[in-house]
Amino acid sequence: MSVGAWGRTARVLAALVVLGVGPTGCARHIDGDPGAAQTFDPCGVLDLQALVADGTVPAQFAYLTRSLDVTTGRLDTCAVGGQLGVLRIAVVVGEQYPEVAQVVPSFARDNGAHTEVDGRAAYASETNFGRYLAIDSGPIQLLLESNSLGGTLGKDLDARAMVDLAAAVLPRLPVSIEPAPVDLPAECAGLRGIEAVVGSVERARGARTERATTCAYAGGHGVLEILITPTDARSVVGADIRNNTDSGPKFPVVAPPIAPETVTYSYDDYNGLTTRTYVDERYYLSTRFIAADEAPLRSIDIDDDERALIESAVAVARSLD
């Protein structure tokens, strides 16, 4: 590795701070779920200021969102840059996978190889979507993902930098992680129709920060993620929705409107459904549902359950002021 690459790796490692294994200040519990212990929050591992100073993360993407991975709902995930996911750190919730390679998304497994990180079994993979490194650390399975889209979203982390990043994180992991089924901010309690979409909720994760509020649920029918961001923090998204309104929609417009002063679009997303809602020219709201295997898909024609869900999410967004 070149001197410059080693220097960059050192600066990335310097961005790692003491791992938060207790309450983080942004994770509270959904109403009606007393007694559920707060669990490890993977967002506690990164120092965003250091990552921005290093150039690994552009300033406009310097915010964290906690969620569940939308493909399996098994990973408690912290993404830098929201849904764009410049950098992701995740831990498996509950029962561990039999093989560490299974922690990596299925579409990335064929392009990887087994390896080791500090004597621990690991699996590294690289695809057009990003670079992945899964590590089996006893009772905890960890996944790191780097995706700068060829440098457009910040610096790429090469294979050595990913290994060094993992090596710095591993000593700071707790002995075990409490697999609490629910760890959500209180704002998520205002949502309605969750079980009508995902079925009985098995796991839920989320957080509220200055830049984003997330509520994610995994159930028998699939995984649902609700993301609310102020438009001043996501001006590109806001401009995109305004352009759709001005120039003719690129995606079907939900009619009648979900609520006054809102515009909602719906479209297919992999084997699921995504909606975008622009609220009062102040908030961008998205719902993303990925159906589980063998579960029925949801049509882009919004039904009553989805309308009730989005309507309640609009009310939550307006309550954030």
C-alpha atoms as a PDB file:
ATOM      1  CA  MET A   1       0.000   0.000   0.000  1.00  0.00           C
ATOM      2  CA  SER A   2       1.256   3.472  -0.820  1.00  0.00           C
ATOM      3  CA  VAL A   3       2.149   6.021   1.840  1.00  0.00           C
ATOM      4  CA  GLY A   4      -0.867   8.082   0.811  1.00  0.00           C
ATOM      5  CA  ALA A   5      -3.185   5.090   1.123  1.00  0.00           C
ATOM      6  CA  TRP A   6      -1.783   4.256   4.563  1.00  0.00           C
ATOM      7  CA  GLY A   7      -2.315   7.854   5.617  1.00  0.00           C
ATOM      8  CA  ARG A   8      -5.889   7.781   4.456  1.00  0.00           C
ATOM      9  CA  THR A   9      -6.468   4.524   6.333  1.00  0.00           C
ATOM     10  CA  ALA A  10      -5.017   6.048   9.483  1.00  0.00           C
ATOM     11  CA  ARG A  11      -7.341   9.024   9.218  1.00  0.00           C
ATOM     12  CA  VAL A  12     -10.353   6.766   8.699  1.00  0.00           C
ATOM     13  CA  LEU A  13      -9.358   4.749  11.765  1.00  0.00           C
ATOM     14  CA  ALA A  14      -8.996   7.978  13.714  1.00  0.00           C
ATOM     15  CA  ALA A  15     -12.672   8.591  12.983  1.00  0.00           C
ATOM     16  CA  LEU A  16     -13.601   5.611  15.150  1.00  0.00           C
ATOM     17  CA  VAL A  17     -14.523   6.542  18.672  1.00  0.00           C
ATOM     18  CA  VAL A  18     -15.569   4.610  21.748  1.00  0.00           C
ATOM     19  CA  LEU A  19     -18.442   2.362  20.794  1.00  0.00           C
ATOM     20  CA  GLY A  20     -21.782   3.226  22.391  1.00  0.00           C
ATOM     21  CA  VAL A  21     -23.249   0.157  24.029  1.00  0.00           C
ATOM     22  CA  GLY A  22     -25.909   1.885  26.089  1.00  0.00           C
ATOM     23  CA  PRO A  23     -28.467   4.650  25.522  1.00  0.00           C
ATOM     24  CA  THR A  24     -27.385   7.046  22.794  1.00  0.00           C
ATOM     25  CA  GLY A  25     -29.837   9.852  23.389  1.00  0.00           C
ATOM     26  CA  CYS A  26     -31.691   9.286  20.114  1.00  0.00           C
ATOM     27  CA  ALA A  27     -33.130   5.800  20.683  1.00  0.00           C
ATOM     28  CA  ARG A  28     -36.295   5.581  22.727  1.00  0.00           C
ATOM     29  CA  HIS A  29     -39.009   2.973  22.669  1.00  0.00           C
ATOM     30  CA  ILE A  30     -42.290   2.766  20.867  1.00  0.00           C
ATOM     31  CA  ASP A  31     -45.377   3.381  22.992  1.00  0.00           C
ATOM     32  CA  GLY A  32     -47.007   0.176  24.155  1.00  0.00           C
ATOM     33  CA  ASP A  33     -43.731  -1.746  24.426  1.00  0.00           C
ATOM     34  CA  PRO A  34     -42.755  -1.435  28.087  1.00  0.00           C
ATOM     35  CA  GLY A  35     -39.805  -3.347  29.416  1.00  0.00           C
ATOM     36  CA  ALA A  36     -37.845  -3.708  26.165  1.00  0.00           C
ATOM     37  CA  ALA A  37     -34.204  -2.972  26.942  1.00  0.00           C
ATOM     38  CA  GLN A  38     -32.322  -0.557  24.745  1.00  0.00           C
ATOM     39  CA  THR A  39     -29.834  -2.379  22.601  1.00  0.00           C
ATOM     40  CA  PHE A  40     -26.485  -1.651  21.004  1.00  0.00           C
ATOM     41  CA  ASP A  41     -26.656   1.192  18.468  1.00  0.00           C
ATOM     42  CA  PRO A  42     -24.137   0.767  15.624  1.00  0.00           C
ATOM     43  CA  CYS A  43     -24.283   4.512  14.953  1.00  0.00           C
ATOM     44  CA  GLY A  44     -22.165   5.046  18.065  1.00  0.00           C
ATOM     45  CA  VAL A  45     -19.011   3.908  16.278  1.00  0.00           C
ATOM     46  CA  LEU A  46     -18.317   6.813  13.910  1.00  0.00           C
ATOM     47  CA  ASP A  47     -17.006  10.348  14.336  1.00  0.00           C
ATOM     48  CA  LEU A  48     -18.598  12.193  11.432  1.00  0.00           C
ATOM     49  CA  GLN A  49     -16.475  15.307  11.839  1.00  0.00           C
ATOM     50  CA  ALA A  50     -13.317  13.270  11.346  1.00  0.00           C
ATOM     51  CA  LEU A  51     -14.778  11.468   8.335  1.00  0.00           C
ATOM     52  CA  VAL A  52     -15.707  14.784   6.734  1.00  0.00           C
ATOM     53  CA  ALA A  53     -12.304  16.304   7.491  1.00  0.00           C
ATOM     54  CA  ASP A  54     -10.663  13.288   5.862  1.00  0.00           C
ATOM     55  CA  GLY A  55     -12.833  13.607   2.753  1.00  0.00           C
ATOM     56  CA  THR A  56     -14.198  10.094   3.170  1.00  0.00           C
ATOM     57  CA  VAL A  57     -17.690  11.555   3.586  1.00  0.00           C
ATOM     58  CA  PRO A  58     -18.815  14.797   1.862  1.00  0.00           C
ATOM     59  CA  ALA A  59     -20.350  17.332   4.241  1.00  0.00           C
ATOM     60  CA  GLN A  60     -23.791  17.094   2.630  1.00  0.00           C
ATOM     61  CA  PHE A  61     -23.938  13.385   3.490  1.00  0.00           C
ATOM     62  CA  ALA A  62     -22.593  13.737   7.028  1.00  0.00           C
ATOM     63  CA  TYR A  63     -25.560  12.367   8.928  1.00  0.00           C
ATOM     64  CA  LEU A  64     -26.483   8.967  10.326  1.00  0.00           C
ATOM     65  CA  THR A  65     -29.631   6.910   9.944  1.00  0.00           C
ATOM     66  CA  ARG A  66     -30.358   3.777  11.930  1.00  0.00           C
ATOM     67  CA  SER A  67     -32.540   1.166  10.296  1.00  0.00           C
ATOM     68  CA  LEU A  68     -32.882  -2.496   9.373  1.00  0.00           C
ATOM     69  CA  ASP A  69     -31.459  -3.820   6.134  1.00  0.00           C
ATOM     70  CA  VAL A  70     -34.354  -3.946   3.692  1.00  0.00           C
ATOM     71  CA  THR A  71     -33.446  -7.279   2.112  1.00  0.00           C
ATOM     72  CA  THR A  72     -33.624  -9.563   5.158  1.00  0.00           C
ATOM     73  CA  GLY A  73     -34.521  -7.396   8.155  1.00  0.00           C
ATOM     74  CA  ARG A  74     -31.843  -9.291  10.107  1.00  0.00           C
ATOM     75  CA  LEU A  75     -29.237  -6.508  10.333  1.00  0.00           C
ATOM     76  CA  ASP A  76     -29.334  -3.519  12.695  1.00  0.00           C
ATOM     77  CA  THR A  77     -27.745  -0.983  10.368  1.00  0.00           C
ATOM     78  CA  CYS A  78     -26.219   2.484  10.636  1.00  0.00           C
ATOM     79  CA  ALA A  79     -25.759   4.293   7.324  1.00  0.00           C
ATOM     80  CA  VAL A  80     -23.746   7.443   6.724  1.00  0.00           C
ATOM     81  CA  GLY A  81     -25.676   9.556   4.229  1.00  0.00           C
ATOM     82  CA  GLY A  82     -29.091   7.988   4.699  1.00  0.00           C
ATOM     83  CA  GLN A  83     -30.391   5.730   1.939  1.00  0.00           C
ATOM     84  CA  LEU A  84     -27.360   6.554  -0.214  1.00  0.00           C
ATOM     85  CA  GLY A  85     -25.217   4.699   2.304  1.00  0.00           C
ATOM     86  CA  VAL A  86     -21.711   6.080   1.726  1.00  0.00           C
ATOM     87  CA  LEU A  87     -20.606   3.824   4.594  1.00  0.00           C
ATOM     88  CA  ARG A  88     -22.618   1.250   6.523  1.00  0.00           C
ATOM     89  CA  ILE A  89     -21.925  -0.641   9.718  1.00  0.00           C
ATOM     90  CA  ALA A  90     -24.337  -3.369  10.791  1.00  0.00           C
ATOM     91  CA  VAL A  91     -24.712  -6.185  13.305  1.00  0.00           C
ATOM     92  CA  VAL A  92     -26.884  -9.274  13.059  1.00  0.00           C
ATOM     93  CA  VAL A  93     -29.907  -9.167  15.368  1.00  0.00           C
ATOM     94  CA  GLY A  94     -30.774 -12.359  17.222  1.00  0.00           C
ATOM     95  CA  GLU A  95     -29.720 -15.774  15.931  1.00  0.00           C
ATOM     96  CA  GLN A  96     -26.428 -15.684  14.049  1.00  0.00           C
ATOM     97  CA  TYR A  97     -25.948 -17.000  10.513  1.00  0.00           C
ATOM     98  CA  PRO A  98     -24.348 -20.472  10.236  1.00  0.00           C
ATOM     99  CA  GLU A  99     -21.743 -19.139   7.782  1.00  0.00           C
ATOM    100  CA  VAL A 100     -20.152 -15.689   7.864  1.00  0.00           C
ATOM    101  CA  ALA A 101     -20.580 -15.353   4.083  1.00  0.00           C
ATOM    102  CA  GLN A 102     -24.351 -15.295   4.620  1.00  0.00           C
ATOM    103  CA  VAL A 103     -24.042 -11.940   6.379  1.00  0.00           C
ATOM    104  CA  VAL A 104     -23.061 -10.382   3.035  1.00  0.00           C
ATOM    105  CA  PRO A 105     -26.037  -9.514   0.755  1.00  0.00           C
ATOM    106  CA  SER A 106     -26.885 -12.454  -1.498  1.00  0.00           C
ATOM    107  CA  PHE A 107     -26.148 -10.557  -4.714  1.00  0.00           C
ATOM    108  CA  ALA A 108     -22.559  -9.956  -3.547  1.00  0.00           C
ATOM    109  CA  ARG A 109     -21.591 -13.428  -2.332  1.00  0.00           C
ATOM    110  CA  ASP A 110     -20.466 -14.893  -5.659  1.00  0.00           C
ATOM    111  CA  ASN A 111     -17.794 -12.204  -6.031  1.00  0.00           C
ATOM    112  CA  GLY A 112     -16.140 -12.791  -2.672  1.00  0.00           C
ATOM    113  CA  ALA A 113     -13.729 -15.010  -0.794  1.00  0.00           C
ATOM    114  CA  HIS A 114     -13.202 -16.285   2.730  1.00  0.00           C
ATOM    115  CA  THR A 115     -10.485 -14.547   4.721  1.00  0.00           C
ATOM    116  CA  GLU A 116      -9.569 -13.648   8.301  1.00  0.00           C
ATOM    117  CA  VAL A 117      -9.499 -10.426  10.307  1.00  0.00           C
ATOM    118  CA  ASP A 118      -7.491 -10.585  13.530  1.00  0.00           C
ATOM    119  CA  GLY A 119      -7.871 -14.358  13.587  1.00  0.00           C
ATOM    120  CA  ARG A 120     -11.633 -14.225  13.090  1.00  0.00           C
ATOM    121  CA  ALA A 121     -13.448 -15.824  10.167  1.00  0.00           C
ATOM    122  CA  ALA A 122     -14.425 -13.222   7.578  1.00  0.00           C
ATOM    123  CA  TYR A 123     -15.782 -12.897   4.056  1.00  0.00           C
ATOM    124  CA  ALA A 124     -14.795 -10.076   1.695  1.00  0.00           C
ATOM    125  CA  SER A 125     -16.598  -9.153  -1.503  1.00  0.00           C
ATOM    126  CA  GLU A 126     -16.527  -6.389  -4.093  1.00  0.00           C
ATOM    127  CA  THR A 127     -19.275  -5.578  -6.619  1.00  0.00           C
ATOM    128  CA  ASN A 128     -20.408  -2.638  -8.707  1.00  0.00           C
ATOM    129  CA  PHE A 129     -22.570  -1.685  -5.731  1.00  0.00           C
ATOM    130  CA  GLY A 130     -19.730  -1.455  -3.238  1.00  0.00           C
ATOM    131  CA  ARG A 131     -17.257  -3.319  -1.076  1.00  0.00           C
ATOM    132  CA  TYR A 132     -18.387  -5.652   1.722  1.00  0.00           C
ATOM    133  CA  LEU A 133     -16.621  -7.260   4.668  1.00  0.00           C
ATOM    134  CA  ALA A 134     -18.400  -9.607   7.091  1.00  0.00           C
ATOM    135  CA  ILE A 135     -16.699 -10.801  10.279  1.00  0.00           C
ATOM    136  CA  ASP A 136     -17.712 -13.558  12.682  1.00  0.00           C
ATOM    137  CA  SER A 137     -16.723 -12.380  16.160  1.00  0.00           C
ATOM    138  CA  GLY A 138     -18.093 -15.068  18.438  1.00  0.00           C
ATOM    139  CA  PRO A 139     -21.588 -14.035  19.566  1.00  0.00           C
ATOM    140  CA  ILE A 140     -21.548 -11.006  17.232  1.00  0.00           C
ATOM    141  CA  GLN A 141     -21.529 -10.942  13.433  1.00  0.00           C
ATOM    142  CA  LEU A 142     -20.519  -7.623  11.883  1.00  0.00           C
ATOM    143  CA  LEU A 143     -20.880  -6.242   8.347  1.00  0.00           C
ATOM    144  CA  LEU A 144     -19.044  -3.254   6.890  1.00  0.00           C
ATOM    145  CA  GLU A 145     -20.047  -1.765   3.549  1.00  0.00           C
ATOM    146  CA  SER A 146     -18.370   1.042   1.603  1.00  0.00           C
ATOM    147  CA  ASN A 147     -19.996   2.592  -1.452  1.00  0.00           C
ATOM    148  CA  SER A 148     -18.801   5.922  -2.811  1.00  0.00           C
ATOM    149  CA  LEU A 149     -20.196   5.298  -6.325  1.00  0.00           C
ATOM    150  CA  GLY A 150     -16.799   5.552  -7.897  1.00  0.00           C
ATOM    151  CA  GLY A 151     -15.740   8.474  -5.745  1.00  0.00           C
ATOM    152  CA  THR A 152     -18.805  10.645  -6.403  1.00  0.00           C
ATOM    153  CA  LEU A 153     -19.974  10.240  -2.791  1.00  0.00           C
ATOM    154  CA  GLY A 154     -16.577  10.548  -1.149  1.00  0.00           C
ATOM    155  CA  LYS A 155     -13.447   8.412  -1.027  1.00  0.00           C
ATOM    156  CA  ASP A 156     -13.365   4.736  -1.830  1.00  0.00           C
ATOM    157  CA  LEU A 157     -12.116   2.465   0.932  1.00  0.00           C
ATOM    158  CA  ASP A 158      -9.900  -0.208  -0.599  1.00  0.00           C
ATOM    159  CA  ALA A 159      -9.718  -3.780   0.668  1.00  0.00           C
ATOM    160  CA  ARG A 160      -6.896  -3.048   3.123  1.00  0.00           C
ATOM    161  CA  ALA A 161      -8.699  -0.005   4.527  1.00  0.00           C
ATOM    162  CA  MET A 162     -11.813  -2.131   5.091  1.00  0.00           C
ATOM    163  CA  VAL A 163      -9.799  -4.736   6.998  1.00  0.00           C
ATOM    164  CA  ASP A 164      -8.121  -2.058   9.115  1.00  0.00           C
ATOM    165  CA  LEU A 165     -11.485  -0.454   9.802  1.00  0.00           C
ATOM    166  CA  ALA A 166     -12.856  -3.787  10.985  1.00  0.00           C
ATOM    167  CA  ALA A 167      -9.780  -4.453  13.119  1.00  0.00           C
ATOM    168  CA  ALA A 168     -10.309  -1.137  14.890  1.00  0.00           C
ATOM    169  CA  VAL A 169     -14.010  -1.797  15.505  1.00  0.00           C
ATOM    170  CA  LEU A 170     -13.762  -5.364  16.791  1.00  0.00           C
ATOM    171  CA  PRO A 171     -12.024  -4.622  20.131  1.00  0.00           C
ATOM    172  CA  ARG A 172     -14.750  -2.103  20.945  1.00  0.00           C
ATOM    173  CA  LEU A 173     -17.670  -4.462  20.445  1.00  0.00           C
ATOM    174  CA  PRO A 174     -19.554  -5.482  23.592  1.00  0.00           C
ATOM    175  CA  VAL A 175     -19.309  -9.067  24.803  1.00  0.00           C
ATOM    176  CA  SER A 176     -22.820  -9.649  23.490  1.00  0.00           C
ATOM    177  CA  ILE A 177     -25.717  -7.652  22.089  1.00  0.00           C
ATOM    178  CA  GLU A 178     -29.149  -7.756  23.684  1.00  0.00           C
ATOM    179  CA  PRO A 179     -31.488  -8.866  20.875  1.00  0.00           C
ATOM    180  CA  ALA A 180     -34.311  -6.556  21.955  1.00  0.00           C
ATOM    181  CA  PRO A 181     -37.133  -6.879  19.418  1.00  0.00           C
ATOM    182  CA  VAL A 182     -37.906  -3.148  19.447  1.00  0.00           C
ATOM    183  CA  ASP A 183     -35.591  -0.139  19.677  1.00  0.00           C
ATOM    184  CA  LEU A 184     -37.322   2.883  18.156  1.00  0.00           C
ATOM    185  CA  PRO A 185     -37.647   6.617  18.779  1.00  0.00           C
ATOM    186  CA  ALA A 186     -40.910   7.703  20.385  1.00  0.00           C
ATOM    187  CA  GLU A 187     -41.967   9.434  17.159  1.00  0.00           C
ATOM    188  CA  CYS A 188     -42.471   6.040  15.494  1.00  0.00           C
ATOM    189  CA  ALA A 189     -45.401   5.380  17.844  1.00  0.00           C
ATOM    190  CA  GLY A 190     -47.442   7.786  15.711  1.00  0.00           C
ATOM    191  CA  LEU A 191     -47.331   5.478  12.693  1.00  0.00           C
ATOM    192  CA  ARG A 192     -50.392   3.430  11.767  1.00  0.00           C
ATOM    193  CA  GLY A 193     -50.939   0.346   9.628  1.00  0.00           C
ATOM    194  CA  ILE A 194     -47.495  -1.192  10.142  1.00  0.00           C
ATOM    195  CA  GLU A 195     -48.714  -4.762  10.682  1.00  0.00           C
ATOM    196  CA  ALA A 196     -51.130  -4.495   7.762  1.00  0.00           C
ATOM    197  CA  VAL A 197     -48.054  -4.111   5.548  1.00  0.00           C
ATOM    198  CA  VAL A 198     -45.349  -6.286   7.175  1.00  0.00           C
ATOM    199  CA  GLY A 199     -47.431  -8.726   9.206  1.00  0.00           C
ATOM    200  CA  SER A 200     -46.673  -9.331  12.870  1.00  0.00           C
ATOM    201  CA  VAL A 201     -43.595  -7.263  13.747  1.00  0.00           C
ATOM    202  CA  GLU A 202     -40.591  -9.407  14.683  1.00  0.00           C
ATOM    203  CA  ARG A 203     -37.918  -6.690  14.850  1.00  0.00           C
ATOM    204  CA  ALA A 204     -37.896  -2.894  14.732  1.00  0.00           C
ATOM    205  CA  ARG A 205     -35.085  -0.344  14.749  1.00  0.00           C
ATOM    206  CA  GLY A 206     -34.806   3.394  14.202  1.00  0.00           C
ATOM    207  CA  ALA A 207     -33.611   6.712  15.560  1.00  0.00           C
ATOM    208  CA  ARG A 208     -34.320  10.419  15.466  1.00  0.00           C
ATOM    209  CA  THR A 209     -31.496  12.857  14.766  1.00  0.00           C
ATOM    210  CA  GLU A 210     -31.381  16.434  13.524  1.00  0.00           C
ATOM    211  CA  ARG A 211     -31.056  15.256   9.938  1.00  0.00           C
ATOM    212  CA  ALA A 212     -33.323  12.216   9.764  1.00  0.00           C
ATOM    213  CA  THR A 213     -35.978  10.177  11.536  1.00  0.00           C
ATOM    214  CA  THR A 214     -36.169   6.474  10.713  1.00  0.00           C
ATOM    215  CA  CYS A 215     -38.559   3.710  11.706  1.00  0.00           C
ATOM    216  CA  ALA A 216     -37.952   0.234  10.261  1.00  0.00           C
ATOM    217  CA  TYR A 217     -39.946  -2.956  10.819  1.00  0.00           C
ATOM    218  CA  ALA A 218     -39.426  -6.599   9.836  1.00  0.00           C
ATOM    219  CA  GLY A 219     -42.276  -9.088   9.788  1.00  0.00           C
ATOM    220  CA  GLY A 220     -43.492 -12.180   8.019  1.00  0.00           C
ATOM    221  CA  HIS A 221     -44.487 -10.274   4.884  1.00  0.00           C
ATOM    222  CA  GLY A 222     -41.248  -8.323   4.501  1.00  0.00           C
ATOM    223  CA  VAL A 223     -39.350  -5.252   5.654  1.00  0.00           C
ATOM    224  CA  LEU A 224     -40.717  -1.702   5.812  1.00  0.00           C
ATOM    225  CA  GLU A 225     -38.574   1.405   6.257  1.00  0.00           C
ATOM    226  CA  ILE A 226     -39.946   4.907   6.845  1.00  0.00           C
ATOM    227  CA  LEU A 227     -37.494   7.791   6.433  1.00  0.00           C
ATOM    228  CA  ILE A 228     -38.276  11.463   7.138  1.00  0.00           C
ATOM    229  CA  THR A 229     -35.735  14.188   6.352  1.00  0.00           C
ATOM    230  CA  PRO A 230     -36.017  17.995   6.265  1.00  0.00           C
ATOM    231  CA  THR A 231     -35.826  19.210   2.675  1.00  0.00           C
ATOM    232  CA  ASP A 232     -33.076  21.670   3.575  1.00  0.00           C
ATOM    233  CA  ALA A 233     -30.988  18.592   4.411  1.00  0.00           C
ATOM    234  CA  ARG A 234     -31.969  16.804   1.190  1.00  0.00           C
ATOM    235  CA  SER A 235     -32.297  19.639  -1.325  1.00  0.00           C
ATOM    236  CA  VAL A 236     -31.524  17.337  -4.231  1.00  0.00           C
ATOM    237  CA  VAL A 237     -34.515  15.163  -3.379  1.00  0.00           C
ATOM    238  CA  GLY A 238     -36.725  18.200  -2.905  1.00  0.00           C
ATOM    239  CA  ALA A 239     -35.662  19.585  -6.281  1.00  0.00           C
ATOM    240  CA  ASP A 240     -36.337  16.217  -7.899  1.00  0.00           C
ATOM    241  CA  ILE A 241     -39.890  16.155  -6.592  1.00  0.00           C
ATOM    242  CA  ARG A 242     -40.496  19.762  -7.634  1.00  0.00           C
ATOM    243  CA  ASN A 243     -39.160  18.968 -11.107  1.00  0.00           C
ATOM    244  CA  ASN A 244     -41.530  16.029 -11.337  1.00  0.00           C
ATOM    245  CA  THR A 245     -44.378  18.359 -10.443  1.00  0.00           C
ATOM    246  CA  ASP A 246     -43.296  21.044 -12.912  1.00  0.00           C
ATOM    247  CA  SER A 247     -42.298  18.847 -15.843  1.00  0.00           C
ATOM    248  CA  GLY A 248     -44.691  15.951 -15.531  1.00  0.00           C
ATOM    249  CA  PRO A 249     -44.272  13.011 -13.162  1.00  0.00           C
ATOM    250  CA  LYS A 250     -41.690  10.333 -13.854  1.00  0.00           C
ATOM    251  CA  PHE A 251     -43.522   8.034 -11.435  1.00  0.00           C
ATOM    252  CA  PRO A 252     -47.257   7.583 -10.867  1.00  0.00           C
ATOM    253  CA  VAL A 253     -48.765  10.304  -8.698  1.00  0.00           C
ATOM    254  CA  VAL A 254     -50.998   9.053  -5.912  1.00  0.00           C
ATOM    255  CA  ALA A 255     -54.460  10.563  -6.303  1.00  0.00           C
ATOM    256  CA  PRO A 256     -56.273  11.908  -4.459  1.00  0.00           C
ATOM    257  CA  PRO A 257     -53.429  13.359  -2.364  1.00  0.00           C
ATOM    258  CA  ILE A 258     -52.608  11.499   0.843  1.00  0.00           C
ATOM    259  CA  ALA A 259     -53.042  14.730   2.803  1.00  0.00           C
ATOM    260  CA  PRO A 260     -53.359  18.455   2.013  1.00  0.00           C
ATOM    261  CA  GLU A 261     -50.135  20.105   0.779  1.00  0.00           C
ATOM    262  CA  THR A 262     -48.505  16.789  -0.118  1.00  0.00           C
ATOM    263  CA  VAL A 263     -47.419  15.122  -3.354  1.00  0.00           C
ATOM    264  CA  THR A 264     -46.773  11.368  -3.355  1.00  0.00           C
ATOM    265  CA  TYR A 265     -45.192   9.156  -6.013  1.00  0.00           C
ATOM    266  CA  SER A 266     -45.093   5.360  -6.025  1.00  0.00           C
ATOM    267  CA  TYR A 267     -42.931   2.920  -7.975  1.00  0.00           C
ATOM    268  CA  ASP A 268     -41.675  -0.653  -7.969  1.00  0.00           C
ATOM    269  CA  ASP A 269     -38.373  -1.220  -6.172  1.00  0.00           C
ATOM    270  CA  TYR A 270     -36.787  -4.662  -6.601  1.00  0.00           C
ATOM    271  CA  ASN A 271     -39.489  -7.005  -5.274  1.00  0.00           C
ATOM    272  CA  GLY A 272     -41.214  -4.278  -3.309  1.00  0.00           C
ATOM    273  CA  LEU A 273     -42.821  -0.866  -3.327  1.00  0.00           C
ATOM    274  CA  THR A 274     -41.372   2.574  -2.652  1.00  0.00           C
ATOM    275  CA  THR A 275     -43.235   5.845  -2.200  1.00  0.00           C
ATOM    276  CA  ARG A 276     -41.922   9.393  -2.076  1.00  0.00           C
ATOM    277  CA  THR A 277     -43.915  12.143  -0.427  1.00  0.00           C
ATOM    278  CA  TYR A 278     -43.100  15.838  -0.379  1.00  0.00           C
ATOM    279  CA  VAL A 279     -44.707  17.453   2.695  1.00  0.00           C
ATOM    280  CA  ASP A 280     -45.415  21.200   2.912  1.00  0.00           C
ATOM    281  CA  GLU A 281     -42.173  21.941   0.998  1.00  0.00           C
ATOM    282  CA  ARG A 282     -40.425  21.158   4.296  1.00  0.00           C
ATOM    283  CA  TYR A 283     -39.988  17.393   4.511  1.00  0.00           C
ATOM    284  CA  TYR A 284     -39.102  14.506   2.253  1.00  0.00           C
ATOM    285  CA  LEU A 285     -40.803  11.304   3.347  1.00  0.00           C
ATOM    286  CA  SER A 286     -40.171   7.872   1.882  1.00  0.00           C
ATOM    287  CA  THR A 287     -41.625   4.468   2.598  1.00  0.00           C
ATOM    288  CA  ARG A 288     -39.800   1.446   1.232  1.00  0.00           C
ATOM    289  CA  PHE A 289     -41.247  -2.056   1.462  1.00  0.00           C
ATOM    290  CA  ILE A 290     -39.407  -5.175   0.287  1.00  0.00           C
ATOM    291  CA  ALA A 291     -41.508  -8.331   0.247  1.00  0.00           C
ATOM    292  CA  ALA A 292     -40.192 -11.504   1.836  1.00  0.00           C
ATOM    293  CA  ASP A 293     -39.750 -14.631  -0.265  1.00  0.00           C
ATOM    294  CA  GLU A 294     -43.110 -16.218  -1.043  1.00  0.00           C
ATOM    295  CA  ALA A 295     -44.928 -13.144   0.325  1.00  0.00           C
ATOM    296  CA  PRO A 296     -47.340 -11.245  -1.924  1.00  0.00           C
ATOM    297  CA  LEU A 297     -45.987  -8.148  -3.650  1.00  0.00           C
ATOM    298  CA  ARG A 298     -47.679  -4.790  -3.216  1.00  0.00           C
ATOM    299  CA  SER A 299     -49.018  -2.868  -6.200  1.00  0.00           C
ATOM    300  CA  ILE A 300     -47.965   0.695  -7.032  1.00  0.00           C
ATOM    301  CA  ASP A 301     -51.678   1.466  -6.813  1.00  0.00           C
ATOM    302  CA  ILE A 302     -51.736   2.543  -3.167  1.00  0.00           C
ATOM    303  CA  ASP A 303     -54.325   0.642  -1.137  1.00  0.00           C
ATOM    304  CA  ASP A 304     -56.130   1.755   2.013  1.00  0.00           C
ATOM    305  CA  ASP A 305     -53.511   0.254   4.344  1.00  0.00           C
ATOM    306  CA  GLU A 306     -50.648   2.040   2.584  1.00  0.00           C
ATOM    307  CA  ARG A 307     -52.609   5.272   2.458  1.00  0.00           C
ATOM    308  CA  ALA A 308     -53.228   5.089   6.222  1.00  0.00           C
ATOM    309  CA  LEU A 309     -49.535   4.422   6.806  1.00  0.00           C
ATOM    310  CA  ILE A 310     -48.360   7.362   4.692  1.00  0.00           C
ATOM    311  CA  GLU A 311     -51.014   9.661   6.159  1.00  0.00           C
ATOM    312  CA  SER A 312     -49.777   8.858   9.663  1.00  0.00           C
ATOM    313  CA  ALA A 313     -46.153   9.384   8.553  1.00  0.00           C
ATOM    314  CA  VAL A 314     -47.104  12.805   7.176  1.00  0.00           C
ATOM    315  CA  ALA A 315     -48.564  13.661  10.590  1.00  0.00           C
ATOM    316  CA  VAL A 316     -45.344  12.493  12.255  1.00  0.00           C
ATOM    317  CA  ALA A 317     -43.285  14.670   9.892  1.00  0.00           C
ATOM    318  CA  ARG A 318     -45.388  17.720  10.683  1.00  0.00           C
ATOM    319  CA  SER A 319     -45.028  17.052  14.407  1.00  0.00           C
ATOM    320  CA  LEU A 320     -41.224  17.272  14.186  1.00  0.00           C
ATOM    321  CA  ASP A 321     -41.190  21.075  13.948  1.00  0.00           C
END
